[in-house]
Amino acid sequence: MAVAYQSLEPGEQIIISDEPREDLEALARWVSIPVPEPTAETPTVIPDGEPTEKWAVGELKAFAAREEIDLGAAKNKGEYFAAIIAGLAEKAVADAATASGVALDPGAEPAGNGTPAA
């Protein structure tokens, strides 16, 4: 569990650490304060714009859920990001096909005359 320390000086600076900070505890101007545990009700804020590799895992997952993008078997941040980029590309192709009136069949063979290329 994270440990937070709040400065008693003006400005109320807060430091959050994964481990207790004895150096701060030893200083009279810092006090330990409670850190609330994240809950399922705590919504993830999705940054504006397209996802980037700088986004946190929670932000990527929330974006994928909002955009109805299947993350498949993705297990880490890089895989989540790749699945989202692929999902966005698929949506763009589908949107373009819909706008042009072309029906897409995911199992269809590429168009051609059936003759192998020479």
C-alpha atoms as a PDB file:
ATOM      1  CA  MET A   1       0.000   0.000   0.000  1.00  0.00           C
ATOM      2  CA  ALA A   2       1.228   3.457  -0.812  1.00  0.00           C
ATOM      3  CA  VAL A   3       2.244   5.884   1.897  1.00  0.00           C
ATOM      4  CA  ALA A   4       1.623   9.611   1.560  1.00  0.00           C
ATOM      5  CA  TYR A   5       3.251  12.502   3.370  1.00  0.00           C
ATOM      6  CA  GLN A   6       1.928  16.042   3.472  1.00  0.00           C
ATOM      7  CA  SER A   7       4.054  19.083   4.159  1.00  0.00           C
ATOM      8  CA  LEU A   8       3.002  21.256   7.077  1.00  0.00           C
ATOM      9  CA  GLU A   9       4.453  24.274   5.310  1.00  0.00           C
ATOM     10  CA  PRO A  10       2.446  26.570   3.018  1.00  0.00           C
ATOM     11  CA  GLY A  11       1.627  25.027  -0.337  1.00  0.00           C
ATOM     12  CA  GLU A  12       0.695  21.658   1.159  1.00  0.00           C
ATOM     13  CA  GLN A  13       3.049  19.587  -0.975  1.00  0.00           C
ATOM     14  CA  ILE A  14       2.237  15.865  -0.938  1.00  0.00           C
ATOM     15  CA  ILE A  15       4.675  13.025  -1.615  1.00  0.00           C
ATOM     16  CA  ILE A  16       3.371   9.514  -2.316  1.00  0.00           C
ATOM     17  CA  SER A  17       5.768   6.596  -1.984  1.00  0.00           C
ATOM     18  CA  ASP A  18       5.419   2.825  -2.388  1.00  0.00           C
ATOM     19  CA  GLU A  19       7.414   2.349   0.805  1.00  0.00           C
ATOM     20  CA  PRO A  20       7.507   4.305   4.080  1.00  0.00           C
ATOM     21  CA  ARG A  21      10.008   7.171   3.944  1.00  0.00           C
ATOM     22  CA  GLU A  22      11.887   7.281   7.233  1.00  0.00           C
ATOM     23  CA  ASP A  23      13.697  10.419   6.067  1.00  0.00           C
ATOM     24  CA  LEU A  24      10.377  12.272   5.868  1.00  0.00           C
ATOM     25  CA  GLU A  25       8.987  10.728   9.027  1.00  0.00           C
ATOM     26  CA  ALA A  26      12.048  12.005  10.906  1.00  0.00           C
ATOM     27  CA  LEU A  27      11.340  15.587   9.851  1.00  0.00           C
ATOM     28  CA  ALA A  28       8.834  17.380  12.047  1.00  0.00           C
ATOM     29  CA  ARG A  29       7.455  19.305   9.085  1.00  0.00           C
ATOM     30  CA  TRP A  30       6.003  16.189   7.378  1.00  0.00           C
ATOM     31  CA  VAL A  31       3.032  14.104   8.546  1.00  0.00           C
ATOM     32  CA  SER A  32       1.757  10.819   7.188  1.00  0.00           C
ATOM     33  CA  ILE A  33      -1.715  11.014   5.654  1.00  0.00           C
ATOM     34  CA  PRO A  34      -4.067   8.211   4.520  1.00  0.00           C
ATOM     35  CA  VAL A  35      -4.097   7.204   0.867  1.00  0.00           C
ATOM     36  CA  PRO A  36      -7.463   5.920  -0.347  1.00  0.00           C
ATOM     37  CA  GLU A  37      -7.427   2.571  -2.094  1.00  0.00           C
ATOM     38  CA  PRO A  38      -8.636   2.673  -5.692  1.00  0.00           C
ATOM     39  CA  THR A  39     -12.101   1.224  -6.080  1.00  0.00           C
ATOM     40  CA  ALA A  40     -14.123  -0.128  -8.952  1.00  0.00           C
ATOM     41  CA  GLU A  41     -16.183   3.063  -8.766  1.00  0.00           C
ATOM     42  CA  THR A  42     -13.125   5.228  -9.404  1.00  0.00           C
ATOM     43  CA  PRO A  43     -13.478   6.105 -13.103  1.00  0.00           C
ATOM     44  CA  THR A  44     -10.408   6.185 -15.286  1.00  0.00           C
ATOM     45  CA  VAL A  45      -9.981   9.489 -17.066  1.00  0.00           C
ATOM     46  CA  ILE A  46      -9.234   8.920 -20.733  1.00  0.00           C
ATOM     47  CA  PRO A  47      -6.847  11.516 -22.193  1.00  0.00           C
ATOM     48  CA  ASP A  48      -7.961  13.517 -25.209  1.00  0.00           C
ATOM     49  CA  GLY A  49      -6.898  12.447 -28.684  1.00  0.00           C
ATOM     50  CA  GLU A  50      -5.614   9.170 -30.045  1.00  0.00           C
ATOM     51  CA  PRO A  51      -3.857   6.733 -27.694  1.00  0.00           C
ATOM     52  CA  THR A  52      -0.095   6.946 -27.418  1.00  0.00           C
ATOM     53  CA  GLU A  53       2.511   4.662 -25.890  1.00  0.00           C
ATOM     54  CA  LYS A  54       2.706   7.138 -22.992  1.00  0.00           C
ATOM     55  CA  TRP A  55      -0.824   6.286 -21.846  1.00  0.00           C
ATOM     56  CA  ALA A  56      -1.199   4.131 -18.724  1.00  0.00           C
ATOM     57  CA  VAL A  57      -2.622   0.618 -18.974  1.00  0.00           C
ATOM     58  CA  GLY A  58      -5.879   1.716 -17.327  1.00  0.00           C
ATOM     59  CA  GLU A  59      -6.284   4.534 -19.832  1.00  0.00           C
ATOM     60  CA  LEU A  60      -5.698   2.152 -22.751  1.00  0.00           C
ATOM     61  CA  LYS A  61      -8.214  -0.367 -21.396  1.00  0.00           C
ATOM     62  CA  ALA A  62     -10.808   2.358 -20.761  1.00  0.00           C
ATOM     63  CA  PHE A  63     -10.321   3.732 -24.291  1.00  0.00           C
ATOM     64  CA  ALA A  64     -10.719   0.236 -25.779  1.00  0.00           C
ATOM     65  CA  ALA A  65     -13.923  -0.327 -23.796  1.00  0.00           C
ATOM     66  CA  ARG A  66     -15.355   3.051 -24.819  1.00  0.00           C
ATOM     67  CA  GLU A  67     -14.522   2.474 -28.491  1.00  0.00           C
ATOM     68  CA  GLU A  68     -15.663  -1.183 -28.339  1.00  0.00           C
ATOM     69  CA  ILE A  69     -12.247  -2.473 -29.415  1.00  0.00           C
ATOM     70  CA  ASP A  70     -11.535  -6.109 -28.567  1.00  0.00           C
ATOM     71  CA  LEU A  71      -8.169  -6.439 -26.798  1.00  0.00           C
ATOM     72  CA  GLY A  72      -8.149 -10.171 -27.487  1.00  0.00           C
ATOM     73  CA  ALA A  73      -5.381 -11.989 -25.615  1.00  0.00           C
ATOM     74  CA  ALA A  74      -3.369  -8.818 -24.896  1.00  0.00           C
ATOM     75  CA  LYS A  75      -1.517  -9.128 -21.592  1.00  0.00           C
ATOM     76  CA  ASN A  76       0.670  -6.039 -21.301  1.00  0.00           C
ATOM     77  CA  LYS A  77       0.783  -2.373 -22.214  1.00  0.00           C
ATOM     78  CA  GLY A  78       2.498  -2.907 -25.580  1.00  0.00           C
ATOM     79  CA  GLU A  79      -0.022  -5.553 -26.594  1.00  0.00           C
ATOM     80  CA  TYR A  80      -2.956  -3.383 -25.457  1.00  0.00           C
ATOM     81  CA  PHE A  81      -1.599  -0.477 -27.493  1.00  0.00           C
ATOM     82  CA  ALA A  82      -1.063  -2.678 -30.587  1.00  0.00           C
ATOM     83  CA  ALA A  83      -4.585  -4.131 -30.307  1.00  0.00           C
ATOM     84  CA  ILE A  84      -6.074  -0.641 -30.048  1.00  0.00           C
ATOM     85  CA  ILE A  85      -4.150   0.634 -33.081  1.00  0.00           C
ATOM     86  CA  ALA A  86      -5.271  -2.428 -35.072  1.00  0.00           C
ATOM     87  CA  GLY A  87      -8.853  -1.943 -33.877  1.00  0.00           C
ATOM     88  CA  LEU A  88      -8.838   1.716 -34.870  1.00  0.00           C
ATOM     89  CA  ALA A  89      -7.507   0.774 -38.330  1.00  0.00           C
ATOM     90  CA  GLU A  90     -10.258  -1.837 -38.750  1.00  0.00           C
ATOM     91  CA  LYS A  91     -12.880   0.718 -37.734  1.00  0.00           C
ATOM     92  CA  ALA A  92     -11.471   3.257 -40.214  1.00  0.00           C
ATOM     93  CA  VAL A  93     -11.661   0.716 -43.051  1.00  0.00           C
ATOM     94  CA  ALA A  94     -15.195  -0.278 -42.074  1.00  0.00           C
ATOM     95  CA  ASP A  95     -16.265   3.371 -41.815  1.00  0.00           C
ATOM     96  CA  ALA A  96     -14.765   4.154 -45.235  1.00  0.00           C
ATOM     97  CA  ALA A  97     -16.493   1.136 -46.773  1.00  0.00           C
ATOM     98  CA  THR A  98     -19.820   2.138 -45.242  1.00  0.00           C
ATOM     99  CA  ALA A  99     -19.419   5.701 -46.501  1.00  0.00           C
ATOM    100  CA  SER A 100     -18.709   4.447 -50.015  1.00  0.00           C
ATOM    101  CA  GLY A 101     -21.503   1.852 -49.955  1.00  0.00           C
ATOM    102  CA  VAL A 102     -19.149  -1.144 -50.235  1.00  0.00           C
ATOM    103  CA  ALA A 103     -20.031  -4.189 -48.142  1.00  0.00           C
ATOM    104  CA  LEU A 104     -17.101  -5.872 -46.444  1.00  0.00           C
ATOM    105  CA  ASP A 105     -16.948  -9.659 -46.065  1.00  0.00           C
ATOM    106  CA  PRO A 106     -14.143 -10.575 -43.645  1.00  0.00           C
ATOM    107  CA  GLY A 107     -13.870 -14.103 -45.111  1.00  0.00           C
ATOM    108  CA  ALA A 108     -13.825 -13.034 -48.753  1.00  0.00           C
ATOM    109  CA  GLU A 109     -10.808 -13.562 -50.985  1.00  0.00           C
ATOM    110  CA  PRO A 110      -9.148 -10.479 -52.457  1.00  0.00           C
ATOM    111  CA  ALA A 111     -10.717  -9.236 -55.661  1.00  0.00           C
ATOM    112  CA  GLY A 112      -9.097 -10.366 -58.884  1.00  0.00           C
ATOM    113  CA  ASN A 113      -9.746 -12.275 -62.059  1.00  0.00           C
ATOM    114  CA  GLY A 114      -8.725 -15.654 -60.588  1.00  0.00           C
ATOM    115  CA  THR A 115      -5.660 -15.866 -62.809  1.00  0.00           C
ATOM    116  CA  PRO A 116      -2.313 -16.167 -61.022  1.00  0.00           C
ATOM    117  CA  ALA A 117       0.040 -13.252 -61.550  1.00  0.00           C
ATOM    118  CA  ALA A 118       2.733 -13.873 -64.121  1.00  0.00           C
END
